[in-house]
N, C-alpha and C. Protein backbone atom coordinates (compact mmCIF):
# COMPACT_ATOMS: atom_id res chain seq x y z
N MET A 1 0.84 -1.18 0.00
CA MET A 1 0.00 0.00 0.00
C MET A 1 0.88 1.24 0.00
N LYS A 2 0.35 2.30 -0.57
CA LYS A 2 1.07 3.57 -0.66
C LYS A 2 0.16 4.69 -0.18
N LYS A 3 0.80 5.73 0.34
CA LYS A 3 0.08 6.95 0.68
C LYS A 3 0.59 8.04 -0.24
N VAL A 4 -0.32 8.65 -0.98
CA VAL A 4 0.01 9.72 -1.90
C VAL A 4 -0.49 11.02 -1.30
N GLU A 5 0.43 11.97 -1.13
CA GLU A 5 0.06 13.29 -0.63
C GLU A 5 0.35 14.29 -1.74
N ALA A 6 -0.67 15.01 -2.15
CA ALA A 6 -0.51 16.01 -3.20
C ALA A 6 -0.89 17.37 -2.66
N VAL A 7 0.02 18.33 -2.81
CA VAL A 7 -0.26 19.71 -2.42
C VAL A 7 -0.52 20.47 -3.71
N VAL A 8 -1.76 20.95 -3.87
CA VAL A 8 -2.18 21.57 -5.13
C VAL A 8 -2.89 22.89 -4.87
N ARG A 9 -3.17 23.59 -5.94
CA ARG A 9 -3.90 24.86 -5.86
C ARG A 9 -5.35 24.60 -5.46
N HIS A 10 -5.94 25.56 -4.72
CA HIS A 10 -7.32 25.42 -4.25
C HIS A 10 -8.31 25.12 -5.37
N PHE A 11 -8.21 25.87 -6.46
CA PHE A 11 -9.22 25.76 -7.50
C PHE A 11 -9.12 24.45 -8.30
N LYS A 12 -8.07 23.67 -8.06
CA LYS A 12 -7.92 22.38 -8.74
C LYS A 12 -8.50 21.21 -7.93
N LEU A 13 -8.90 21.46 -6.70
CA LEU A 13 -9.37 20.38 -5.82
C LEU A 13 -10.54 19.61 -6.42
N GLU A 14 -11.56 20.30 -6.85
CA GLU A 14 -12.75 19.63 -7.37
C GLU A 14 -12.43 18.81 -8.62
N ASP A 15 -11.57 19.35 -9.49
CA ASP A 15 -11.17 18.62 -10.70
C ASP A 15 -10.43 17.34 -10.35
N VAL A 16 -9.51 17.42 -9.39
CA VAL A 16 -8.74 16.25 -8.98
C VAL A 16 -9.66 15.21 -8.34
N LYS A 17 -10.56 15.66 -7.47
CA LYS A 17 -11.49 14.75 -6.80
C LYS A 17 -12.35 14.01 -7.82
N ASN A 18 -12.91 14.74 -8.78
CA ASN A 18 -13.76 14.13 -9.79
C ASN A 18 -12.99 13.16 -10.68
N ALA A 19 -11.78 13.53 -11.05
CA ALA A 19 -10.96 12.67 -11.92
C ALA A 19 -10.59 11.37 -11.20
N LEU A 20 -10.22 11.47 -9.92
CA LEU A 20 -9.88 10.26 -9.16
C LEU A 20 -11.11 9.37 -9.01
N THR A 21 -12.25 9.96 -8.72
CA THR A 21 -13.49 9.19 -8.57
C THR A 21 -13.86 8.50 -9.87
N ASP A 22 -13.71 9.20 -10.99
CA ASP A 22 -14.01 8.62 -12.31
C ASP A 22 -13.13 7.42 -12.62
N ARG A 23 -11.92 7.38 -12.05
CA ARG A 23 -10.99 6.27 -12.30
C ARG A 23 -11.09 5.19 -11.22
N GLY A 24 -12.12 5.28 -10.37
CA GLY A 24 -12.38 4.23 -9.40
C GLY A 24 -11.60 4.33 -8.11
N ILE A 25 -10.94 5.45 -7.88
CA ILE A 25 -10.20 5.65 -6.63
C ILE A 25 -11.18 6.20 -5.60
N GLN A 26 -11.35 5.45 -4.52
CA GLN A 26 -12.33 5.83 -3.51
C GLN A 26 -11.62 6.33 -2.26
N GLY A 27 -12.13 7.41 -1.71
CA GLY A 27 -11.65 7.92 -0.45
C GLY A 27 -10.45 8.83 -0.56
N MET A 28 -10.52 9.92 0.15
CA MET A 28 -9.40 10.86 0.23
C MET A 28 -9.61 11.75 1.43
N THR A 29 -8.54 12.33 1.90
CA THR A 29 -8.60 13.31 2.98
C THR A 29 -8.06 14.62 2.44
N VAL A 30 -8.75 15.71 2.72
CA VAL A 30 -8.35 17.02 2.21
C VAL A 30 -8.12 17.96 3.39
N THR A 31 -6.99 18.66 3.34
CA THR A 31 -6.63 19.62 4.39
C THR A 31 -6.20 20.92 3.74
N GLU A 32 -6.66 22.04 4.30
CA GLU A 32 -6.17 23.33 3.83
C GLU A 32 -4.83 23.59 4.51
N VAL A 33 -3.81 23.89 3.70
CA VAL A 33 -2.46 24.10 4.22
C VAL A 33 -1.90 25.40 3.67
N ARG A 34 -0.80 25.84 4.27
CA ARG A 34 -0.08 27.02 3.78
C ARG A 34 1.40 26.70 3.78
N GLY A 35 2.11 27.18 2.78
CA GLY A 35 3.53 26.93 2.72
C GLY A 35 4.16 27.64 1.53
N PHE A 36 5.43 27.34 1.31
CA PHE A 36 6.10 27.90 0.14
C PHE A 36 7.23 26.97 -0.29
N GLY A 37 7.54 27.03 -1.55
CA GLY A 37 8.64 26.27 -2.12
C GLY A 37 9.52 27.25 -2.88
N ARG A 38 9.82 26.94 -4.11
CA ARG A 38 10.62 27.84 -4.93
C ARG A 38 9.91 29.17 -5.15
N GLN A 39 8.58 29.11 -5.10
CA GLN A 39 7.76 30.29 -5.32
C GLN A 39 8.04 31.38 -4.27
N LYS A 40 8.35 30.97 -3.05
CA LYS A 40 8.68 31.87 -1.94
C LYS A 40 7.62 32.95 -1.71
N GLY A 41 6.36 32.59 -1.86
CA GLY A 41 5.28 33.54 -1.60
C GLY A 41 5.12 34.55 -2.73
N HIS A 42 4.34 35.58 -2.46
CA HIS A 42 4.11 36.62 -3.46
C HIS A 42 3.66 37.89 -2.73
N THR A 43 3.47 38.96 -3.49
CA THR A 43 3.00 40.21 -2.89
C THR A 43 1.60 40.52 -3.42
N GLU A 44 0.81 41.14 -2.58
CA GLU A 44 -0.53 41.59 -2.97
C GLU A 44 -0.69 43.03 -2.54
N ILE A 45 -1.51 43.75 -3.29
CA ILE A 45 -1.79 45.13 -2.94
C ILE A 45 -3.22 45.21 -2.42
N TYR A 46 -3.36 45.74 -1.21
CA TYR A 46 -4.67 45.88 -0.58
C TYR A 46 -4.82 47.31 -0.10
N ARG A 47 -5.80 48.01 -0.63
CA ARG A 47 -6.07 49.41 -0.30
C ARG A 47 -4.82 50.28 -0.44
N GLY A 48 -4.11 50.04 -1.53
CA GLY A 48 -2.95 50.86 -1.84
C GLY A 48 -1.67 50.49 -1.14
N THR A 49 -1.71 49.51 -0.26
CA THR A 49 -0.50 49.09 0.45
C THR A 49 -0.10 47.70 -0.01
N GLU A 50 1.19 47.52 -0.24
CA GLU A 50 1.69 46.23 -0.70
C GLU A 50 2.03 45.35 0.49
N TYR A 51 1.54 44.12 0.45
CA TYR A 51 1.79 43.16 1.52
C TYR A 51 2.51 41.94 0.96
N ALA A 52 3.47 41.43 1.72
CA ALA A 52 4.17 40.21 1.32
C ALA A 52 3.43 39.01 1.92
N ILE A 53 3.05 38.09 1.06
CA ILE A 53 2.39 36.85 1.49
C ILE A 53 3.44 35.76 1.44
N ASP A 54 4.01 35.42 2.62
CA ASP A 54 5.10 34.45 2.67
C ASP A 54 4.60 33.02 2.49
N PHE A 55 3.47 32.71 3.08
CA PHE A 55 2.93 31.35 3.00
C PHE A 55 1.73 31.35 2.06
N VAL A 56 1.84 30.59 0.99
CA VAL A 56 0.80 30.54 -0.03
C VAL A 56 -0.23 29.48 0.36
N PRO A 57 -1.52 29.82 0.33
CA PRO A 57 -2.54 28.82 0.67
C PRO A 57 -2.66 27.76 -0.43
N LYS A 58 -2.72 26.51 0.00
CA LYS A 58 -2.87 25.37 -0.91
C LYS A 58 -3.81 24.36 -0.27
N VAL A 59 -4.04 23.27 -0.97
CA VAL A 59 -4.85 22.17 -0.46
C VAL A 59 -4.00 20.91 -0.51
N LYS A 60 -4.00 20.13 0.58
CA LYS A 60 -3.29 18.86 0.59
C LYS A 60 -4.31 17.74 0.48
N ILE A 61 -4.13 16.90 -0.54
CA ILE A 61 -5.00 15.75 -0.78
C ILE A 61 -4.21 14.50 -0.41
N GLU A 62 -4.78 13.67 0.46
CA GLU A 62 -4.13 12.43 0.84
C GLU A 62 -4.98 11.27 0.34
N VAL A 63 -4.34 10.35 -0.38
CA VAL A 63 -5.01 9.17 -0.91
C VAL A 63 -4.19 7.95 -0.55
N VAL A 64 -4.83 6.95 0.04
CA VAL A 64 -4.17 5.68 0.31
C VAL A 64 -4.65 4.71 -0.76
N CYS A 65 -3.71 4.04 -1.43
CA CYS A 65 -4.09 3.15 -2.53
C CYS A 65 -3.22 1.90 -2.53
N THR A 66 -3.64 0.94 -3.33
CA THR A 66 -2.85 -0.27 -3.50
C THR A 66 -1.65 0.05 -4.40
N ASN A 67 -0.66 -0.82 -4.37
CA ASN A 67 0.50 -0.63 -5.24
C ASN A 67 0.10 -0.63 -6.71
N GLU A 68 -0.93 -1.41 -7.04
CA GLU A 68 -1.39 -1.50 -8.42
C GLU A 68 -2.03 -0.20 -8.90
N ASN A 69 -2.67 0.53 -7.99
CA ASN A 69 -3.35 1.78 -8.37
C ASN A 69 -2.46 3.01 -8.26
N LEU A 70 -1.25 2.84 -7.77
CA LEU A 70 -0.38 3.99 -7.51
C LEU A 70 -0.16 4.85 -8.74
N GLN A 71 0.24 4.25 -9.85
CA GLN A 71 0.53 5.05 -11.05
C GLN A 71 -0.70 5.75 -11.58
N THR A 72 -1.87 5.11 -11.45
CA THR A 72 -3.12 5.74 -11.86
C THR A 72 -3.38 7.00 -11.05
N VAL A 73 -3.18 6.90 -9.73
CA VAL A 73 -3.39 8.05 -8.85
C VAL A 73 -2.42 9.18 -9.21
N ILE A 74 -1.15 8.86 -9.36
CA ILE A 74 -0.14 9.88 -9.68
C ILE A 74 -0.45 10.54 -11.02
N ASP A 75 -0.70 9.74 -12.05
CA ASP A 75 -0.97 10.28 -13.39
C ASP A 75 -2.22 11.16 -13.39
N THR A 76 -3.25 10.73 -12.66
CA THR A 76 -4.49 11.49 -12.61
C THR A 76 -4.27 12.85 -11.95
N ILE A 77 -3.53 12.86 -10.85
CA ILE A 77 -3.26 14.13 -10.16
C ILE A 77 -2.40 15.03 -11.04
N LEU A 78 -1.38 14.47 -11.66
CA LEU A 78 -0.52 15.26 -12.54
C LEU A 78 -1.30 15.90 -13.68
N GLN A 79 -2.14 15.11 -14.35
CA GLN A 79 -2.89 15.62 -15.50
C GLN A 79 -3.92 16.67 -15.10
N THR A 80 -4.52 16.50 -13.92
CA THR A 80 -5.62 17.37 -13.54
C THR A 80 -5.16 18.63 -12.82
N ALA A 81 -4.11 18.55 -12.02
CA ALA A 81 -3.70 19.68 -11.20
C ALA A 81 -2.71 20.60 -11.90
N GLN A 82 -2.18 20.17 -13.02
CA GLN A 82 -1.11 20.92 -13.69
C GLN A 82 -1.68 22.11 -14.46
N THR A 83 -1.10 23.30 -14.22
CA THR A 83 -1.43 24.48 -15.01
C THR A 83 -0.24 24.93 -15.84
N GLY A 84 0.95 24.42 -15.50
CA GLY A 84 2.17 24.83 -16.20
C GLY A 84 2.82 26.06 -15.58
N GLN A 85 2.24 26.58 -14.53
CA GLN A 85 2.76 27.77 -13.86
C GLN A 85 3.53 27.38 -12.60
N ILE A 86 4.41 28.26 -12.15
CA ILE A 86 5.10 28.05 -10.89
C ILE A 86 4.06 27.99 -9.78
N GLY A 87 4.21 27.03 -8.86
CA GLY A 87 3.28 26.93 -7.75
C GLY A 87 2.20 25.89 -7.95
N ASP A 88 2.33 25.03 -8.96
CA ASP A 88 1.34 23.97 -9.18
C ASP A 88 1.29 22.97 -8.04
N GLY A 89 2.40 22.79 -7.32
CA GLY A 89 2.39 21.92 -6.16
C GLY A 89 3.37 20.77 -6.28
N LYS A 90 3.19 19.81 -5.39
CA LYS A 90 4.08 18.64 -5.31
C LYS A 90 3.26 17.40 -5.00
N ILE A 91 3.83 16.24 -5.34
CA ILE A 91 3.25 14.95 -4.98
C ILE A 91 4.31 14.17 -4.22
N PHE A 92 3.93 13.62 -3.07
CA PHE A 92 4.82 12.81 -2.26
C PHE A 92 4.21 11.42 -2.13
N VAL A 93 5.05 10.39 -2.25
CA VAL A 93 4.58 9.01 -2.13
C VAL A 93 5.37 8.33 -1.02
N THR A 94 4.65 7.70 -0.09
CA THR A 94 5.31 6.98 1.00
C THR A 94 4.72 5.58 1.11
N ASN A 95 5.55 4.66 1.61
CA ASN A 95 5.08 3.30 1.87
C ASN A 95 4.19 3.32 3.10
N LEU A 96 3.15 2.52 3.07
CA LEU A 96 2.23 2.44 4.19
C LEU A 96 2.27 1.01 4.71
N GLU A 97 2.61 0.86 5.96
CA GLU A 97 2.78 -0.47 6.54
C GLU A 97 1.45 -1.20 6.72
N ASP A 98 0.43 -0.49 7.21
CA ASP A 98 -0.85 -1.15 7.48
C ASP A 98 -1.95 -0.11 7.53
N SER A 99 -3.17 -0.57 7.31
CA SER A 99 -4.35 0.26 7.54
C SER A 99 -5.39 -0.64 8.21
N ILE A 100 -6.16 -0.04 9.09
CA ILE A 100 -7.14 -0.80 9.86
C ILE A 100 -8.46 -0.06 9.82
N ARG A 101 -9.51 -0.73 9.39
CA ARG A 101 -10.84 -0.14 9.43
C ARG A 101 -11.36 -0.29 10.85
N ILE A 102 -11.67 0.81 11.50
CA ILE A 102 -12.06 0.80 12.90
C ILE A 102 -13.36 0.03 13.11
N ARG A 103 -14.33 0.21 12.23
CA ARG A 103 -15.64 -0.43 12.41
C ARG A 103 -15.57 -1.94 12.41
N THR A 104 -14.78 -2.53 11.49
CA THR A 104 -14.77 -3.98 11.34
C THR A 104 -13.48 -4.64 11.80
N GLY A 105 -12.43 -3.86 11.96
CA GLY A 105 -11.14 -4.43 12.33
C GLY A 105 -10.37 -5.01 11.16
N GLU A 106 -10.85 -4.81 9.93
CA GLU A 106 -10.14 -5.32 8.75
C GLU A 106 -8.77 -4.66 8.65
N HIS A 107 -7.80 -5.42 8.14
CA HIS A 107 -6.42 -4.93 7.99
C HIS A 107 -6.02 -4.88 6.54
N GLY A 108 -5.00 -4.08 6.25
CA GLY A 108 -4.38 -4.05 4.93
C GLY A 108 -5.30 -3.50 3.85
N GLU A 109 -5.15 -4.07 2.65
CA GLU A 109 -5.92 -3.59 1.50
C GLU A 109 -7.42 -3.80 1.68
N GLU A 110 -7.82 -4.76 2.49
CA GLU A 110 -9.24 -4.98 2.75
C GLU A 110 -9.86 -3.78 3.46
N ALA A 111 -9.05 -3.05 4.20
CA ALA A 111 -9.54 -1.88 4.95
C ALA A 111 -9.69 -0.64 4.07
N LEU A 112 -9.14 -0.70 2.87
CA LEU A 112 -9.25 0.45 1.98
C LEU A 112 -10.64 0.49 1.40
């Protein structure tokens, strides 16, 4: 099993969710996050005053999937979240040792 964490732009969330659902990927966790990478924030002008926005708001999508579905999840997120501009985000993949469904006590891929 793998855990895929994708940090993407807010307005791409619905597109990514729909695309993953259309490809049979069920379940995800979404968190609003703030951070910066190479983009290092940006400046905005509000009422004539310029403000530095150091931490850019993004959305983190977490998907746990089988090893067989991993490439589908990655490709789907890449195709849907990409705008070609700086700040599109990142995808992180980690190994997941186990998952347990609390209601039934199922372990591993059965719990997904």
